[in-house]
Amino acid sequence: MKNRLPLWLAKIIYYEYWPVTCFYFPFTLYWLFLSLRARSLTYYTAVNPAIEHSGFWGNSKGDVLKLISAEYLPLTLYFSSADKTETILTAMQDAELDFPVICKPDKGERGFRVEKINTAEELENYVTTSVG
């Protein structure tokens, strides 16, 4: 059996477990420094002008995917939060898409609500507990 780190130590060593504020604090200081140098608080938005706010915060995944040629994209189906599970299952059947699938909201940060869905029951749970 492999030696594993105790959970308390893993939460300190691996940044994925850190609170968002602790993770972004050093970046905030660096952003302020670069903003002063560039004389602009939004200097970073020049990086990806085709993406709203250069993808910094709250951008639509669907809008970004529209910028990529279809030949490079995986099979993707879009639904609104108002769509019912039956509608989604019918669209999956029409597209010859079977489980497992990955579901995620159009807008989200750091993996929020990204889930691997293995069954219709899991899909129903995901749809009924979706946020906005």
C-alpha atoms as a PDB file:
ATOM      1  CA  MET A   1       0.000   0.000   0.000  1.00  0.00           C
ATOM      2  CA  LYS A   2       1.249   3.466  -0.886  1.00  0.00           C
ATOM      3  CA  ASN A   3       2.136   5.932   1.821  1.00  0.00           C
ATOM      4  CA  ARG A   4      -0.457   8.668   1.702  1.00  0.00           C
ATOM      5  CA  LEU A   5      -0.305  12.093   3.219  1.00  0.00           C
ATOM      6  CA  PRO A   6      -2.687  12.810   6.055  1.00  0.00           C
ATOM      7  CA  LEU A   7      -5.629  14.893   4.816  1.00  0.00           C
ATOM      8  CA  TRP A   8      -4.723  17.894   6.971  1.00  0.00           C
ATOM      9  CA  LEU A   9      -1.250  18.004   5.408  1.00  0.00           C
ATOM     10  CA  ALA A  10      -2.540  17.496   1.855  1.00  0.00           C
ATOM     11  CA  LYS A  11      -4.897  20.466   2.360  1.00  0.00           C
ATOM     12  CA  ILE A  12      -1.908  22.648   3.224  1.00  0.00           C
ATOM     13  CA  ILE A  13       0.436  21.427   0.487  1.00  0.00           C
ATOM     14  CA  TYR A  14      -1.983  21.229  -2.458  1.00  0.00           C
ATOM     15  CA  TYR A  15      -3.396  24.600  -3.505  1.00  0.00           C
ATOM     16  CA  GLU A  16      -6.569  23.004  -4.897  1.00  0.00           C
ATOM     17  CA  TYR A  17      -7.783  22.776  -1.300  1.00  0.00           C
ATOM     18  CA  TRP A  18      -6.974  26.362  -0.336  1.00  0.00           C
ATOM     19  CA  PRO A  19      -9.791  28.870   0.129  1.00  0.00           C
ATOM     20  CA  VAL A  20     -10.275  31.120  -2.898  1.00  0.00           C
ATOM     21  CA  THR A  21      -9.154  34.192  -0.961  1.00  0.00           C
ATOM     22  CA  CYS A  22      -5.846  32.578   0.040  1.00  0.00           C
ATOM     23  CA  PHE A  23      -5.238  31.325  -3.477  1.00  0.00           C
ATOM     24  CA  TYR A  24      -5.875  34.671  -5.202  1.00  0.00           C
ATOM     25  CA  PHE A  25      -4.342  37.026  -2.630  1.00  0.00           C
ATOM     26  CA  PRO A  26      -0.797  36.884  -4.099  1.00  0.00           C
ATOM     27  CA  PHE A  27      -2.219  37.336  -7.598  1.00  0.00           C
ATOM     28  CA  THR A  28      -4.139  40.392  -6.426  1.00  0.00           C
ATOM     29  CA  LEU A  29      -0.949  42.017  -5.188  1.00  0.00           C
ATOM     30  CA  TYR A  30       0.796  41.230  -8.465  1.00  0.00           C
ATOM     31  CA  TRP A  31      -2.192  42.543 -10.450  1.00  0.00           C
ATOM     32  CA  LEU A  32      -2.064  45.830  -8.517  1.00  0.00           C
ATOM     33  CA  PHE A  33       1.655  46.110  -9.233  1.00  0.00           C
ATOM     34  CA  LEU A  34       1.159  45.480 -12.953  1.00  0.00           C
ATOM     35  CA  SER A  35      -1.832  47.830 -13.037  1.00  0.00           C
ATOM     36  CA  LEU A  36       0.293  50.628 -11.661  1.00  0.00           C
ATOM     37  CA  ARG A  37       3.001  49.895 -14.218  1.00  0.00           C
ATOM     38  CA  ALA A  38       0.504  49.822 -17.090  1.00  0.00           C
ATOM     39  CA  ARG A  39      -1.543  52.713 -15.674  1.00  0.00           C
ATOM     40  CA  SER A  40      -4.709  50.694 -16.198  1.00  0.00           C
ATOM     41  CA  LEU A  41      -6.690  48.442 -13.852  1.00  0.00           C
ATOM     42  CA  THR A  42      -7.937  46.417 -16.828  1.00  0.00           C
ATOM     43  CA  TYR A  43      -4.673  46.085 -18.775  1.00  0.00           C
ATOM     44  CA  TYR A  44      -5.165  42.292 -19.009  1.00  0.00           C
ATOM     45  CA  THR A  45      -8.283  42.591 -21.177  1.00  0.00           C
ATOM     46  CA  ALA A  46      -6.101  43.278 -24.219  1.00  0.00           C
ATOM     47  CA  VAL A  47      -4.940  39.647 -24.157  1.00  0.00           C
ATOM     48  CA  ASN A  48      -8.058  38.038 -25.679  1.00  0.00           C
ATOM     49  CA  PRO A  49     -10.105  40.809 -27.287  1.00  0.00           C
ATOM     50  CA  ALA A  50     -12.564  38.338 -28.859  1.00  0.00           C
ATOM     51  CA  ILE A  51     -13.640  37.101 -25.407  1.00  0.00           C
ATOM     52  CA  GLU A  52     -15.615  39.326 -23.057  1.00  0.00           C
ATOM     53  CA  HIS A  53     -13.269  40.647 -20.321  1.00  0.00           C
ATOM     54  CA  SER A  54     -10.603  38.408 -21.932  1.00  0.00           C
ATOM     55  CA  GLY A  55     -12.151  35.475 -20.104  1.00  0.00           C
ATOM     56  CA  PHE A  56     -11.116  36.874 -16.744  1.00  0.00           C
ATOM     57  CA  TRP A  57     -14.452  36.455 -14.969  1.00  0.00           C
ATOM     58  CA  GLY A  58     -17.959  35.261 -15.702  1.00  0.00           C
ATOM     59  CA  ASN A  59     -17.537  34.666 -19.402  1.00  0.00           C
ATOM     60  CA  SER A  60     -19.800  32.317 -21.319  1.00  0.00           C
ATOM     61  CA  LYS A  61     -18.242  28.966 -22.233  1.00  0.00           C
ATOM     62  CA  GLY A  62     -20.669  28.756 -25.158  1.00  0.00           C
ATOM     63  CA  ASP A  63     -19.492  32.108 -26.534  1.00  0.00           C
ATOM     64  CA  VAL A  64     -15.860  30.992 -26.324  1.00  0.00           C
ATOM     65  CA  LEU A  65     -16.607  27.664 -28.023  1.00  0.00           C
ATOM     66  CA  LYS A  66     -18.300  29.510 -30.905  1.00  0.00           C
ATOM     67  CA  LEU A  67     -14.892  31.015 -31.702  1.00  0.00           C
ATOM     68  CA  ILE A  68     -13.363  27.561 -32.273  1.00  0.00           C
ATOM     69  CA  SER A  69     -13.753  25.641 -35.520  1.00  0.00           C
ATOM     70  CA  ALA A  70     -16.322  22.814 -35.184  1.00  0.00           C
ATOM     71  CA  GLU A  71     -13.796  20.223 -36.319  1.00  0.00           C
ATOM     72  CA  TYR A  72     -11.880  20.697 -33.056  1.00  0.00           C
ATOM     73  CA  LEU A  73     -14.837  20.578 -30.695  1.00  0.00           C
ATOM     74  CA  PRO A  74     -16.297  17.562 -28.924  1.00  0.00           C
ATOM     75  CA  LEU A  75     -19.975  16.789 -29.399  1.00  0.00           C
ATOM     76  CA  THR A  76     -21.709  19.469 -27.350  1.00  0.00           C
ATOM     77  CA  LEU A  77     -25.368  20.017 -26.536  1.00  0.00           C
ATOM     78  CA  TYR A  78     -26.669  23.221 -24.963  1.00  0.00           C
ATOM     79  CA  PHE A  79     -29.664  23.509 -22.668  1.00  0.00           C
ATOM     80  CA  SER A  80     -31.210  26.228 -20.564  1.00  0.00           C
ATOM     81  CA  SER A  81     -31.886  25.805 -16.874  1.00  0.00           C
ATOM     82  CA  ALA A  82     -35.607  25.632 -17.754  1.00  0.00           C
ATOM     83  CA  ASP A  83     -35.202  22.491 -19.896  1.00  0.00           C
ATOM     84  CA  LYS A  84     -36.585  19.259 -18.470  1.00  0.00           C
ATOM     85  CA  THR A  85     -34.664  15.995 -18.183  1.00  0.00           C
ATOM     86  CA  GLU A  86     -36.862  14.389 -20.858  1.00  0.00           C
ATOM     87  CA  THR A  87     -35.908  17.124 -23.341  1.00  0.00           C
ATOM     88  CA  ILE A  88     -32.229  16.550 -22.629  1.00  0.00           C
ATOM     89  CA  LEU A  89     -32.511  12.760 -22.914  1.00  0.00           C
ATOM     90  CA  THR A  90     -34.346  13.099 -26.244  1.00  0.00           C
ATOM     91  CA  ALA A  91     -31.652  15.438 -27.587  1.00  0.00           C
ATOM     92  CA  MET A  92     -28.947  13.032 -26.417  1.00  0.00           C
ATOM     93  CA  GLN A  93     -30.691  10.147 -28.189  1.00  0.00           C
ATOM     94  CA  ASP A  94     -31.075  12.207 -31.383  1.00  0.00           C
ATOM     95  CA  ALA A  95     -27.350  13.053 -31.263  1.00  0.00           C
ATOM     96  CA  GLU A  96     -26.469   9.411 -30.519  1.00  0.00           C
ATOM     97  CA  LEU A  97     -24.856  10.530 -27.273  1.00  0.00           C
ATOM     98  CA  ASP A  98     -24.835   8.045 -24.405  1.00  0.00           C
ATOM     99  CA  PHE A  99     -23.755   8.147 -20.786  1.00  0.00           C
ATOM    100  CA  PRO A 100     -21.411   9.071 -19.239  1.00  0.00           C
ATOM    101  CA  VAL A 101     -21.548  12.776 -20.100  1.00  0.00           C
ATOM    102  CA  ILE A 102     -20.035  15.859 -18.543  1.00  0.00           C
ATOM    103  CA  CYS A 103     -22.489  18.561 -17.468  1.00  0.00           C
ATOM    104  CA  LYS A 104     -21.449  22.066 -16.575  1.00  0.00           C
ATOM    105  CA  PRO A 105     -23.017  25.503 -16.452  1.00  0.00           C
ATOM    106  CA  ASP A 106     -22.343  28.061 -19.140  1.00  0.00           C
ATOM    107  CA  LYS A 107     -20.773  30.358 -16.559  1.00  0.00           C
ATOM    108  CA  GLY A 108     -18.777  29.165 -13.596  1.00  0.00           C
ATOM    109  CA  GLU A 109     -15.398  29.296 -11.940  1.00  0.00           C
ATOM    110  CA  ARG A 110     -12.950  26.667 -10.666  1.00  0.00           C
ATOM    111  CA  GLY A 111     -15.046  23.654 -11.630  1.00  0.00           C
ATOM    112  CA  PHE A 112     -18.282  24.911 -10.049  1.00  0.00           C
ATOM    113  CA  ARG A 113     -21.105  22.446 -10.874  1.00  0.00           C
ATOM    114  CA  VAL A 114     -18.981  20.426 -13.332  1.00  0.00           C
ATOM    115  CA  GLU A 115     -20.079  16.822 -12.911  1.00  0.00           C
ATOM    116  CA  LYS A 116     -19.691  13.503 -14.658  1.00  0.00           C
ATOM    117  CA  ILE A 117     -23.201  12.110 -15.151  1.00  0.00           C
ATOM    118  CA  ASN A 118     -23.469   8.330 -15.535  1.00  0.00           C
ATOM    119  CA  THR A 119     -27.226   7.686 -15.556  1.00  0.00           C
ATOM    120  CA  ALA A 120     -30.567   9.305 -16.303  1.00  0.00           C
ATOM    121  CA  GLU A 121     -31.214   9.459 -12.546  1.00  0.00           C
ATOM    122  CA  GLU A 122     -28.003  11.416 -11.988  1.00  0.00           C
ATOM    123  CA  LEU A 123     -29.009  13.732 -14.838  1.00  0.00           C
ATOM    124  CA  GLU A 124     -32.419  14.285 -13.233  1.00  0.00           C
ATOM    125  CA  ASN A 125     -30.727  15.165  -9.945  1.00  0.00           C
ATOM    126  CA  TYR A 126     -28.307  17.537 -11.692  1.00  0.00           C
ATOM    127  CA  VAL A 127     -31.129  19.302 -13.560  1.00  0.00           C
ATOM    128  CA  THR A 128     -33.393  19.657 -10.537  1.00  0.00           C
ATOM    129  CA  THR A 129     -30.617  21.007  -8.332  1.00  0.00           C
ATOM    130  CA  SER A 130     -29.171  23.390 -10.943  1.00  0.00           C
ATOM    131  CA  VAL A 131     -28.510  26.954  -9.913  1.00  0.00           C
ATOM    132  CA  GLY A 132     -30.078  29.745 -11.998  1.00  0.00           C
END
